[in-house]
Amino acid sequence: MATDRELTATVPVRSAPKRRSLGRLLTRNMRSVIGALVLVLIFASAIFADWLAPYPPNRQNLRNRLQPPSAEHILGTDNFGRDVLSRIIHGGRVSLSIGFISVGIALAIGGLMGLLAGFYGGTLDSVISGIVDVLLALPAFLLALAIVAALGPSIVNVMIAVGIANIPSFARIVRSAVLTVREMEYVAAAHAIGSRDGRVMARHVIPNALGPVIVQVSLSLAGAILAAAGLSFLGMGAQPPTAEWGSMLNAARPYIRDAQWTVTFPGLAIVVTVLALNLVGDGLRDALDPRRLQAE
């Protein structure tokens, strides 16, 4: 009788040719390559913000308030004389942190719900699907807004709210992928040799259901950053003087006519980041399409 280790060796989770095909498909999609390069720059600027920013993000100089872009302040200053470029660089660290943590919350909870529902089915599937349907009946942004309003405005509460609002999408994606994988021969063989459910899920189901989940993560990051910026713009997220793109837009609203740079550049930071994430997500979706991988 074959052991579980022998079964894994006989039916590998992902073969080397498939990984090579995925890499080729990703590099062929120039839009995803451009998006990835832009993301690398954004992530690098957020990580090394303390060294890249020309000024401390909260340093005020009221004599230089609302100064247009110049050699001293490349993107101008805001209503407190703070350097806009420095605040955008540091704001990227906050916005990306919100995006990653909120998506991590959604993936952990929604992924577990989808895994259990898809693997066991039956009553558990019906209960979890009912909960997901209730959450899907509420618009994600309004649900996040209601949660933040109940918990109080703060960055931590925005992470929790956006994470909860994204749980249904991850639960449905994971459930759908698990329903497909659990019918495969190697899963049936693992059950036949007496492997426990936890071992089957960890070694066979989860690794082979990761494709659509990875795509959903990249696309949900863009939505989470956009939702967090929207909540901060409404005054429910990052609070002054924290540098965050949405809160920068909120603070610059009264000066949109006289100091357009205070609104334009934080808005461009949001647009470029979300666009880059969407481009990478589209590239991953095409590259992880099984039909294209088989064609390769």
C-alpha atoms as a PDB file:
ATOM      1  CA  MET A   1       0.000   0.000   0.000  1.00  0.00           C
ATOM      2  CA  ALA A   2       1.389   3.423  -0.981  1.00  0.00           C
ATOM      3  CA  THR A   3       2.216   5.916   1.710  1.00  0.00           C
ATOM      4  CA  ASP A   4       1.119   9.561   1.637  1.00  0.00           C
ATOM      5  CA  ARG A   5       4.698  10.653   0.876  1.00  0.00           C
ATOM      6  CA  GLU A   6       4.873   8.238  -2.069  1.00  0.00           C
ATOM      7  CA  LEU A   7       1.543   9.514  -3.304  1.00  0.00           C
ATOM      8  CA  THR A   8       2.813  13.109  -3.192  1.00  0.00           C
ATOM      9  CA  ALA A   9       5.913  12.097  -5.115  1.00  0.00           C
ATOM     10  CA  THR A  10       3.814  10.269  -7.692  1.00  0.00           C
ATOM     11  CA  VAL A  11       1.375  13.156  -8.172  1.00  0.00           C
ATOM     12  CA  PRO A  12       3.372  16.398  -7.715  1.00  0.00           C
ATOM     13  CA  VAL A  13       1.512  19.516  -6.725  1.00  0.00           C
ATOM     14  CA  ARG A  14       3.051  21.633  -9.474  1.00  0.00           C
ATOM     15  CA  SER A  15       5.433  20.444 -12.112  1.00  0.00           C
ATOM     16  CA  ALA A  16       8.531  22.362 -13.209  1.00  0.00           C
ATOM     17  CA  PRO A  17       7.336  22.810 -16.815  1.00  0.00           C
ATOM     18  CA  LYS A  18       4.163  24.462 -15.585  1.00  0.00           C
ATOM     19  CA  ARG A  19       6.150  26.961 -13.505  1.00  0.00           C
ATOM     20  CA  ARG A  20       8.307  27.801 -16.502  1.00  0.00           C
ATOM     21  CA  SER A  21       5.219  28.302 -18.641  1.00  0.00           C
ATOM     22  CA  LEU A  22       3.737  30.621 -16.014  1.00  0.00           C
ATOM     23  CA  GLY A  23       6.892  32.729 -16.038  1.00  0.00           C
ATOM     24  CA  ARG A  24       6.886  32.984 -19.814  1.00  0.00           C
ATOM     25  CA  LEU A  25       3.236  33.990 -19.904  1.00  0.00           C
ATOM     26  CA  LEU A  26       3.804  36.678 -17.263  1.00  0.00           C
ATOM     27  CA  THR A  27       6.743  38.207 -19.113  1.00  0.00           C
ATOM     28  CA  ARG A  28       4.840  38.192 -22.406  1.00  0.00           C
ATOM     29  CA  ASN A  29       2.148  40.428 -20.914  1.00  0.00           C
ATOM     30  CA  MET A  30       3.877  43.814 -21.045  1.00  0.00           C
ATOM     31  CA  ARG A  31       1.119  45.506 -19.086  1.00  0.00           C
ATOM     32  CA  SER A  32       1.649  43.193 -16.133  1.00  0.00           C
ATOM     33  CA  VAL A  33       5.425  43.678 -16.380  1.00  0.00           C
ATOM     34  CA  ILE A  34       4.991  47.456 -16.312  1.00  0.00           C
ATOM     35  CA  GLY A  35       2.572  47.173 -13.401  1.00  0.00           C
ATOM     36  CA  ALA A  36       5.040  44.976 -11.503  1.00  0.00           C
ATOM     37  CA  LEU A  37       7.879  47.444 -12.047  1.00  0.00           C
ATOM     38  CA  VAL A  38       5.713  50.316 -10.821  1.00  0.00           C
ATOM     39  CA  LEU A  39       4.747  48.298  -7.748  1.00  0.00           C
ATOM     40  CA  VAL A  40       8.388  47.561  -6.994  1.00  0.00           C
ATOM     41  CA  LEU A  41       9.114  51.294  -7.034  1.00  0.00           C
ATOM     42  CA  ILE A  42       6.118  52.055  -4.824  1.00  0.00           C
ATOM     43  CA  PHE A  43       6.989  49.314  -2.336  1.00  0.00           C
ATOM     44  CA  ALA A  44      10.630  50.394  -2.257  1.00  0.00           C
ATOM     45  CA  SER A  45       9.681  54.031  -1.605  1.00  0.00           C
ATOM     46  CA  ALA A  46       7.358  52.933   1.218  1.00  0.00           C
ATOM     47  CA  ILE A  47       9.982  50.688   2.817  1.00  0.00           C
ATOM     48  CA  PHE A  48      12.759  53.286   2.577  1.00  0.00           C
ATOM     49  CA  ALA A  49      10.528  56.314   3.190  1.00  0.00           C
ATOM     50  CA  ASP A  50      12.682  57.575   6.062  1.00  0.00           C
ATOM     51  CA  TRP A  51      15.670  57.855   3.715  1.00  0.00           C
ATOM     52  CA  LEU A  52      13.909  58.897   0.490  1.00  0.00           C
ATOM     53  CA  ALA A  53      11.619  61.623   1.837  1.00  0.00           C
ATOM     54  CA  PRO A  54      13.376  65.021   1.672  1.00  0.00           C
ATOM     55  CA  TYR A  55      11.626  66.285   4.838  1.00  0.00           C
ATOM     56  CA  PRO A  56       9.888  64.774   7.868  1.00  0.00           C
ATOM     57  CA  PRO A  57       6.237  64.241   6.863  1.00  0.00           C
ATOM     58  CA  ASN A  58       4.776  66.268   9.738  1.00  0.00           C
ATOM     59  CA  ARG A  59       7.267  69.138   9.820  1.00  0.00           C
ATOM     60  CA  GLN A  60       5.304  72.400   9.564  1.00  0.00           C
ATOM     61  CA  ASN A  61       6.497  75.717   8.170  1.00  0.00           C
ATOM     62  CA  LEU A  62       3.606  78.164   8.037  1.00  0.00           C
ATOM     63  CA  ARG A  63       5.716  80.704   6.151  1.00  0.00           C
ATOM     64  CA  ASN A  64       5.825  78.289   3.212  1.00  0.00           C
ATOM     65  CA  ARG A  65       2.202  77.159   3.316  1.00  0.00           C
ATOM     66  CA  LEU A  66       0.529  76.380  -0.036  1.00  0.00           C
ATOM     67  CA  GLN A  67       3.687  76.933  -2.040  1.00  0.00           C
ATOM     68  CA  PRO A  68       3.557  75.594  -5.625  1.00  0.00           C
ATOM     69  CA  PRO A  69       6.055  72.968  -6.834  1.00  0.00           C
ATOM     70  CA  SER A  70       9.592  74.300  -6.816  1.00  0.00           C
ATOM     71  CA  ALA A  71      13.196  73.160  -6.521  1.00  0.00           C
ATOM     72  CA  GLU A  72      12.920  73.253  -2.736  1.00  0.00           C
ATOM     73  CA  HIS A  73       9.585  71.411  -2.606  1.00  0.00           C
ATOM     74  CA  ILE A  74       9.221  69.323  -5.769  1.00  0.00           C
ATOM     75  CA  LEU A  75       5.475  68.729  -5.311  1.00  0.00           C
ATOM     76  CA  GLY A  76       4.740  71.893  -3.323  1.00  0.00           C
ATOM     77  CA  THR A  77       3.509  72.298   0.232  1.00  0.00           C
ATOM     78  CA  ASP A  78       0.132  71.917   1.923  1.00  0.00           C
ATOM     79  CA  ASN A  79      -1.866  74.299   4.114  1.00  0.00           C
ATOM     80  CA  PHE A  80       0.523  73.758   7.050  1.00  0.00           C
ATOM     81  CA  GLY A  81       3.669  74.180   4.967  1.00  0.00           C
ATOM     82  CA  ARG A  82       4.418  70.448   5.010  1.00  0.00           C
ATOM     83  CA  ASP A  83       6.225  68.945   2.028  1.00  0.00           C
ATOM     84  CA  VAL A  84       3.683  67.126  -0.169  1.00  0.00           C
ATOM     85  CA  LEU A  85       6.239  64.705  -1.637  1.00  0.00           C
ATOM     86  CA  SER A  86       7.403  63.614   1.794  1.00  0.00           C
ATOM     87  CA  ARG A  87       3.854  63.048   2.949  1.00  0.00           C
ATOM     88  CA  ILE A  88       3.002  61.044  -0.182  1.00  0.00           C
ATOM     89  CA  ILE A  89       6.033  58.790   0.312  1.00  0.00           C
ATOM     90  CA  HIS A  90       5.208  58.177   3.975  1.00  0.00           C
ATOM     91  CA  GLY A  91       1.507  57.908   3.136  1.00  0.00           C
ATOM     92  CA  GLY A  92       2.327  55.020   0.808  1.00  0.00           C
ATOM     93  CA  ARG A  93       3.637  53.074   3.792  1.00  0.00           C
ATOM     94  CA  VAL A  94       0.344  53.576   5.647  1.00  0.00           C
ATOM     95  CA  SER A  95      -1.897  52.850   2.653  1.00  0.00           C
ATOM     96  CA  LEU A  96      -0.004  49.695   1.651  1.00  0.00           C
ATOM     97  CA  SER A  97      -0.009  48.467   5.242  1.00  0.00           C
ATOM     98  CA  ILE A  98      -3.771  48.911   5.426  1.00  0.00           C
ATOM     99  CA  GLY A  99      -4.184  47.065   2.133  1.00  0.00           C
ATOM    100  CA  PHE A 100      -2.005  44.081   3.059  1.00  0.00           C
ATOM    101  CA  ILE A 101      -3.334  43.650   6.586  1.00  0.00           C
ATOM    102  CA  SER A 102      -6.993  43.996   5.589  1.00  0.00           C
ATOM    103  CA  VAL A 103      -6.559  41.499   2.728  1.00  0.00           C
ATOM    104  CA  GLY A 104      -4.719  39.187   5.132  1.00  0.00           C
ATOM    105  CA  ILE A 105      -7.712  39.310   7.485  1.00  0.00           C
ATOM    106  CA  ALA A 106     -10.110  38.584   4.617  1.00  0.00           C
ATOM    107  CA  LEU A 107      -7.941  35.753   3.300  1.00  0.00           C
ATOM    108  CA  ALA A 108      -7.530  34.116   6.711  1.00  0.00           C
ATOM    109  CA  ILE A 109     -11.222  34.176   7.646  1.00  0.00           C
ATOM    110  CA  GLY A 110     -12.819  33.928   4.204  1.00  0.00           C
ATOM    111  CA  GLY A 111     -10.286  31.367   3.029  1.00  0.00           C
ATOM    112  CA  LEU A 112     -10.955  29.133   6.033  1.00  0.00           C
ATOM    113  CA  MET A 113     -14.712  29.433   5.515  1.00  0.00           C
ATOM    114  CA  GLY A 114     -14.412  28.566   1.835  1.00  0.00           C
ATOM    115  CA  LEU A 115     -12.040  25.666   2.520  1.00  0.00           C
ATOM    116  CA  LEU A 116     -14.350  24.065   5.079  1.00  0.00           C
ATOM    117  CA  ALA A 117     -17.475  24.665   2.994  1.00  0.00           C
ATOM    118  CA  GLY A 118     -15.944  23.255  -0.185  1.00  0.00           C
ATOM    119  CA  PHE A 119     -14.178  20.295   1.425  1.00  0.00           C
ATOM    120  CA  TYR A 120     -16.950  19.019   3.700  1.00  0.00           C
ATOM    121  CA  GLY A 121     -20.083  20.254   1.899  1.00  0.00           C
ATOM    122  CA  GLY A 122     -23.469  19.335   3.328  1.00  0.00           C
ATOM    123  CA  THR A 123     -24.900  21.305   6.229  1.00  0.00           C
ATOM    124  CA  LEU A 124     -21.650  23.136   6.921  1.00  0.00           C
ATOM    125  CA  ASP A 125     -21.546  24.324   3.324  1.00  0.00           C
ATOM    126  CA  SER A 126     -25.152  25.536   3.550  1.00  0.00           C
ATOM    127  CA  VAL A 127     -24.516  27.468   6.762  1.00  0.00           C
ATOM    128  CA  ILE A 128     -21.329  29.123   5.527  1.00  0.00           C
ATOM    129  CA  SER A 129     -22.868  29.917   2.135  1.00  0.00           C
ATOM    130  CA  GLY A 130     -25.834  31.512   3.904  1.00  0.00           C
ATOM    131  CA  ILE A 131     -23.538  33.758   5.942  1.00  0.00           C
ATOM    132  CA  VAL A 132     -21.624  34.729   2.796  1.00  0.00           C
ATOM    133  CA  ASP A 133     -24.863  35.504   0.946  1.00  0.00           C
ATOM    134  CA  VAL A 134     -25.966  37.814   3.765  1.00  0.00           C
ATOM    135  CA  LEU A 135     -22.645  39.690   3.616  1.00  0.00           C
ATOM    136  CA  LEU A 136     -22.832  39.896  -0.177  1.00  0.00           C
ATOM    137  CA  ALA A 137     -26.253  41.525   0.090  1.00  0.00           C
ATOM    138  CA  LEU A 138     -24.545  44.584   1.581  1.00  0.00           C
ATOM    139  CA  PRO A 139     -22.298  46.800  -0.599  1.00  0.00           C
ATOM    140  CA  ALA A 140     -18.714  46.241   0.549  1.00  0.00           C
ATOM    141  CA  PHE A 141     -17.869  49.914   1.042  1.00  0.00           C
ATOM    142  CA  LEU A 142     -21.073  50.655   2.963  1.00  0.00           C
ATOM    143  CA  LEU A 143     -20.445  47.603   5.149  1.00  0.00           C
ATOM    144  CA  ALA A 144     -16.915  48.822   5.875  1.00  0.00           C
ATOM    145  CA  LEU A 145     -18.233  52.333   6.583  1.00  0.00           C
ATOM    146  CA  ALA A 146     -20.815  50.965   9.017  1.00  0.00           C
ATOM    147  CA  ILE A 147     -18.202  48.912  10.852  1.00  0.00           C
ATOM    148  CA  VAL A 148     -15.815  51.860  11.188  1.00  0.00           C
ATOM    149  CA  ALA A 149     -18.675  54.073  12.354  1.00  0.00           C
ATOM    150  CA  ALA A 150     -19.478  51.518  15.053  1.00  0.00           C
ATOM    151  CA  LEU A 151     -15.864  50.939  16.132  1.00  0.00           C
ATOM    152  CA  GLY A 152     -14.644  54.509  15.765  1.00  0.00           C
ATOM    153  CA  PRO A 153     -12.322  56.197  13.265  1.00  0.00           C
ATOM    154  CA  SER A 154      -8.763  54.831  13.283  1.00  0.00           C
ATOM    155  CA  ILE A 155      -6.338  53.007  11.005  1.00  0.00           C
ATOM    156  CA  VAL A 156      -6.734  49.729  12.916  1.00  0.00           C
ATOM    157  CA  ASN A 157     -10.516  49.854  12.631  1.00  0.00           C
ATOM    158  CA  VAL A 158     -10.242  50.577   8.906  1.00  0.00           C
ATOM    159  CA  MET A 159      -8.114  47.445   8.504  1.00  0.00           C
ATOM    160  CA  ILE A 160     -10.707  45.390  10.377  1.00  0.00           C
ATOM    161  CA  ALA A 161     -13.629  46.891   8.462  1.00  0.00           C
ATOM    162  CA  VAL A 162     -12.111  46.505   5.008  1.00  0.00           C
ATOM    163  CA  GLY A 163     -10.993  42.990   5.894  1.00  0.00           C
ATOM    164  CA  ILE A 164     -14.502  41.959   6.970  1.00  0.00           C
ATOM    165  CA  ALA A 165     -16.006  43.531   3.846  1.00  0.00           C
ATOM    166  CA  ASN A 166     -13.713  41.379   1.665  1.00  0.00           C
ATOM    167  CA  ILE A 167     -14.425  38.084   3.422  1.00  0.00           C
ATOM    168  CA  PRO A 168     -17.293  37.023   1.084  1.00  0.00           C
ATOM    169  CA  SER A 169     -15.219  37.284  -2.093  1.00  0.00           C
ATOM    170  CA  PHE A 170     -12.439  35.107  -0.664  1.00  0.00           C
ATOM    171  CA  ALA A 171     -14.906  32.593   0.768  1.00  0.00           C
ATOM    172  CA  ARG A 172     -16.576  32.117  -2.615  1.00  0.00           C
ATOM    173  CA  ILE A 173     -13.324  31.934  -4.584  1.00  0.00           C
ATOM    174  CA  VAL A 174     -11.758  29.385  -2.214  1.00  0.00           C
ATOM    175  CA  ARG A 175     -14.935  27.306  -2.022  1.00  0.00           C
ATOM    176  CA  SER A 176     -15.176  27.134  -5.805  1.00  0.00           C
ATOM    177  CA  ALA A 177     -11.510  26.115  -6.161  1.00  0.00           C
ATOM    178  CA  VAL A 178     -11.764  23.484  -3.408  1.00  0.00           C
ATOM    179  CA  LEU A 179     -14.906  21.977  -4.931  1.00  0.00           C
ATOM    180  CA  THR A 180     -12.933  21.385  -8.119  1.00  0.00           C
ATOM    181  CA  VAL A 181      -9.781  20.040  -6.467  1.00  0.00           C
ATOM    182  CA  ARG A 182     -11.504  17.666  -4.051  1.00  0.00           C
ATOM    183  CA  GLU A 183     -12.816  15.625  -6.989  1.00  0.00           C
ATOM    184  CA  MET A 184      -9.308  14.948  -8.328  1.00  0.00           C
ATOM    185  CA  GLU A 185      -7.860  11.425  -8.278  1.00  0.00           C
ATOM    186  CA  TYR A 186      -4.959  12.238  -5.979  1.00  0.00           C
ATOM    187  CA  VAL A 187      -7.350  13.524  -3.298  1.00  0.00           C
ATOM    188  CA  ALA A 188      -9.378  10.316  -3.506  1.00  0.00           C
ATOM    189  CA  ALA A 189      -6.145   8.302  -3.354  1.00  0.00           C
ATOM    190  CA  ALA A 190      -5.016  10.223  -0.259  1.00  0.00           C
ATOM    191  CA  HIS A 191      -8.307   9.375   1.444  1.00  0.00           C
ATOM    192  CA  ALA A 192      -7.938   5.744   0.342  1.00  0.00           C
ATOM    193  CA  ILE A 193      -4.587   5.313   2.103  1.00  0.00           C
ATOM    194  CA  GLY A 194      -6.061   6.689   5.314  1.00  0.00           C
ATOM    195  CA  SER A 195      -4.759  10.249   5.370  1.00  0.00           C
ATOM    196  CA  ARG A 196      -6.573  12.547   7.776  1.00  0.00           C
ATOM    197  CA  ASP A 197      -8.653  15.431   6.480  1.00  0.00           C
ATOM    198  CA  GLY A 198      -6.234  18.066   7.771  1.00  0.00           C
ATOM    199  CA  ARG A 199      -3.303  16.396   6.021  1.00  0.00           C
ATOM    200  CA  VAL A 200      -5.242  16.035   2.776  1.00  0.00           C
ATOM    201  CA  MET A 201      -6.218  19.698   2.830  1.00  0.00           C
ATOM    202  CA  ALA A 202      -2.700  20.888   3.674  1.00  0.00           C
ATOM    203  CA  ARG A 203      -0.792  18.683   1.221  1.00  0.00           C
ATOM    204  CA  HIS A 204      -3.160  18.296  -1.708  1.00  0.00           C
ATOM    205  CA  VAL A 205      -6.171  20.613  -1.667  1.00  0.00           C
ATOM    206  CA  ILE A 206      -4.732  23.967  -0.636  1.00  0.00           C
ATOM    207  CA  PRO A 207      -1.616  23.942  -2.884  1.00  0.00           C
ATOM    208  CA  ASN A 208      -3.675  23.035  -5.946  1.00  0.00           C
ATOM    209  CA  ALA A 209      -6.365  25.646  -5.215  1.00  0.00           C
ATOM    210  CA  LEU A 210      -3.960  28.581  -4.877  1.00  0.00           C
ATOM    211  CA  GLY A 211      -4.165  29.855  -8.473  1.00  0.00           C
ATOM    212  CA  PRO A 212      -7.456  31.786  -8.299  1.00  0.00           C
ATOM    213  CA  VAL A 213      -6.710  32.817  -4.707  1.00  0.00           C
ATOM    214  CA  ILE A 214      -3.458  34.511  -5.744  1.00  0.00           C
ATOM    215  CA  VAL A 215      -5.319  36.458  -8.437  1.00  0.00           C
ATOM    216  CA  GLN A 216      -8.003  37.467  -5.942  1.00  0.00           C
ATOM    217  CA  VAL A 217      -5.363  38.692  -3.482  1.00  0.00           C
ATOM    218  CA  SER A 218      -3.758  40.986  -6.073  1.00  0.00           C
ATOM    219  CA  LEU A 219      -7.111  42.425  -7.146  1.00  0.00           C
ATOM    220  CA  SER A 220      -8.394  42.762  -3.577  1.00  0.00           C
ATOM    221  CA  LEU A 221      -5.277  44.729  -2.600  1.00  0.00           C
ATOM    222  CA  ALA A 222      -6.250  47.397  -5.109  1.00  0.00           C
ATOM    223  CA  GLY A 223      -9.813  47.508  -3.797  1.00  0.00           C
ATOM    224  CA  ALA A 224      -8.653  47.588  -0.176  1.00  0.00           C
ATOM    225  CA  ILE A 225      -6.310  50.529  -0.768  1.00  0.00           C
ATOM    226  CA  LEU A 226      -9.070  52.374  -2.607  1.00  0.00           C
ATOM    227  CA  ALA A 227     -11.627  51.646   0.126  1.00  0.00           C
ATOM    228  CA  ALA A 228      -9.209  52.722   2.865  1.00  0.00           C
ATOM    229  CA  ALA A 229      -8.503  55.964   1.013  1.00  0.00           C
ATOM    230  CA  GLY A 230     -12.248  56.538   0.658  1.00  0.00           C
ATOM    231  CA  LEU A 231     -12.843  56.000   4.366  1.00  0.00           C
ATOM    232  CA  SER A 232      -9.988  58.339   5.266  1.00  0.00           C
ATOM    233  CA  PHE A 233     -11.346  60.923   2.827  1.00  0.00           C
ATOM    234  CA  LEU A 234     -14.622  60.785   4.764  1.00  0.00           C
ATOM    235  CA  GLY A 235     -12.717  61.305   8.023  1.00  0.00           C
ATOM    236  CA  MET A 236     -13.253  57.740   9.250  1.00  0.00           C
ATOM    237  CA  GLY A 237      -9.727  56.421   8.690  1.00  0.00           C
ATOM    238  CA  ALA A 238      -6.297  57.889   9.391  1.00  0.00           C
ATOM    239  CA  GLN A 239      -6.516  60.915  11.661  1.00  0.00           C
ATOM    240  CA  PRO A 240      -4.349  64.082  11.492  1.00  0.00           C
ATOM    241  CA  PRO A 241      -1.438  64.488  11.409  1.00  0.00           C
ATOM    242  CA  THR A 242      -0.867  60.961  10.028  1.00  0.00           C
ATOM    243  CA  ALA A 243       0.204  61.047   6.393  1.00  0.00           C
ATOM    244  CA  GLU A 244      -2.219  58.891   4.377  1.00  0.00           C
ATOM    245  CA  TRP A 245      -3.361  59.459   0.813  1.00  0.00           C
ATOM    246  CA  GLY A 246      -7.083  59.601   1.544  1.00  0.00           C
ATOM    247  CA  SER A 247      -6.687  61.894   4.539  1.00  0.00           C
ATOM    248  CA  MET A 248      -4.409  64.149   2.457  1.00  0.00           C
ATOM    249  CA  LEU A 249      -7.205  64.529  -0.087  1.00  0.00           C
ATOM    250  CA  ASN A 250      -9.677  65.312   2.678  1.00  0.00           C
ATOM    251  CA  ALA A 251      -7.409  67.994   4.170  1.00  0.00           C
ATOM    252  CA  ALA A 252      -6.805  69.546   0.735  1.00  0.00           C
ATOM    253  CA  ARG A 253     -10.472  69.926  -0.252  1.00  0.00           C
ATOM    254  CA  PRO A 254     -10.788  73.603   0.751  1.00  0.00           C
ATOM    255  CA  TYR A 255      -7.762  74.489  -1.399  1.00  0.00           C
ATOM    256  CA  ILE A 256      -8.667  72.619  -4.581  1.00  0.00           C
ATOM    257  CA  ARG A 257      -9.043  75.850  -6.569  1.00  0.00           C
ATOM    258  CA  ASP A 258      -6.034  77.777  -5.283  1.00  0.00           C
ATOM    259  CA  ALA A 259      -3.563  74.936  -4.623  1.00  0.00           C
ATOM    260  CA  GLN A 260      -4.425  72.127  -7.017  1.00  0.00           C
ATOM    261  CA  TRP A 261      -1.165  70.272  -6.333  1.00  0.00           C
ATOM    262  CA  THR A 262      -2.309  69.408  -2.815  1.00  0.00           C
ATOM    263  CA  VAL A 263      -5.108  67.324  -4.345  1.00  0.00           C
ATOM    264  CA  THR A 264      -3.587  66.222  -7.650  1.00  0.00           C
ATOM    265  CA  PHE A 265      -0.494  64.410  -6.425  1.00  0.00           C
ATOM    266  CA  PRO A 266      -2.074  62.335  -3.609  1.00  0.00           C
ATOM    267  CA  GLY A 267      -4.857  61.430  -6.043  1.00  0.00           C
ATOM    268  CA  LEU A 268      -2.299  60.361  -8.649  1.00  0.00           C
ATOM    269  CA  ALA A 269      -0.554  58.204  -6.053  1.00  0.00           C
ATOM    270  CA  ILE A 270      -3.816  56.317  -5.439  1.00  0.00           C
ATOM    271  CA  VAL A 271      -4.576  55.994  -9.158  1.00  0.00           C
ATOM    272  CA  VAL A 272      -1.105  54.727 -10.098  1.00  0.00           C
ATOM    273  CA  THR A 273      -0.976  52.193  -7.244  1.00  0.00           C
ATOM    274  CA  VAL A 274      -4.446  50.793  -7.905  1.00  0.00           C
ATOM    275  CA  LEU A 275      -3.811  50.674 -11.657  1.00  0.00           C
ATOM    276  CA  ALA A 276      -0.505  48.833 -11.175  1.00  0.00           C
ATOM    277  CA  LEU A 277      -2.140  46.273  -8.886  1.00  0.00           C
ATOM    278  CA  ASN A 278      -4.951  45.714 -11.373  1.00  0.00           C
ATOM    279  CA  LEU A 279      -2.465  45.228 -14.219  1.00  0.00           C
ATOM    280  CA  VAL A 280      -0.541  42.645 -12.206  1.00  0.00           C
ATOM    281  CA  GLY A 281      -3.799  40.945 -11.234  1.00  0.00           C
ATOM    282  CA  ASP A 282      -4.928  40.755 -14.853  1.00  0.00           C
ATOM    283  CA  GLY A 283      -1.566  39.304 -15.841  1.00  0.00           C
ATOM    284  CA  LEU A 284      -1.744  36.669 -13.109  1.00  0.00           C
ATOM    285  CA  ARG A 285      -5.293  35.771 -14.108  1.00  0.00           C
ATOM    286  CA  ASP A 286      -4.241  35.169 -17.698  1.00  0.00           C
ATOM    287  CA  ALA A 287      -1.040  33.353 -16.734  1.00  0.00           C
ATOM    288  CA  LEU A 288      -2.770  31.028 -14.252  1.00  0.00           C
ATOM    289  CA  ASP A 289      -5.503  30.090 -16.707  1.00  0.00           C
ATOM    290  CA  PRO A 290      -5.173  26.276 -16.989  1.00  0.00           C
ATOM    291  CA  ARG A 291      -5.987  26.334 -20.696  1.00  0.00           C
ATOM    292  CA  ARG A 292      -3.081  28.655 -21.429  1.00  0.00           C
ATOM    293  CA  LEU A 293      -0.716  26.669 -19.225  1.00  0.00           C
ATOM    294  CA  GLN A 294      -1.662  23.471 -21.055  1.00  0.00           C
ATOM    295  CA  ALA A 295      -1.208  25.176 -24.399  1.00  0.00           C
ATOM    296  CA  GLU A 296       2.330  26.050 -23.374  1.00  0.00           C
END
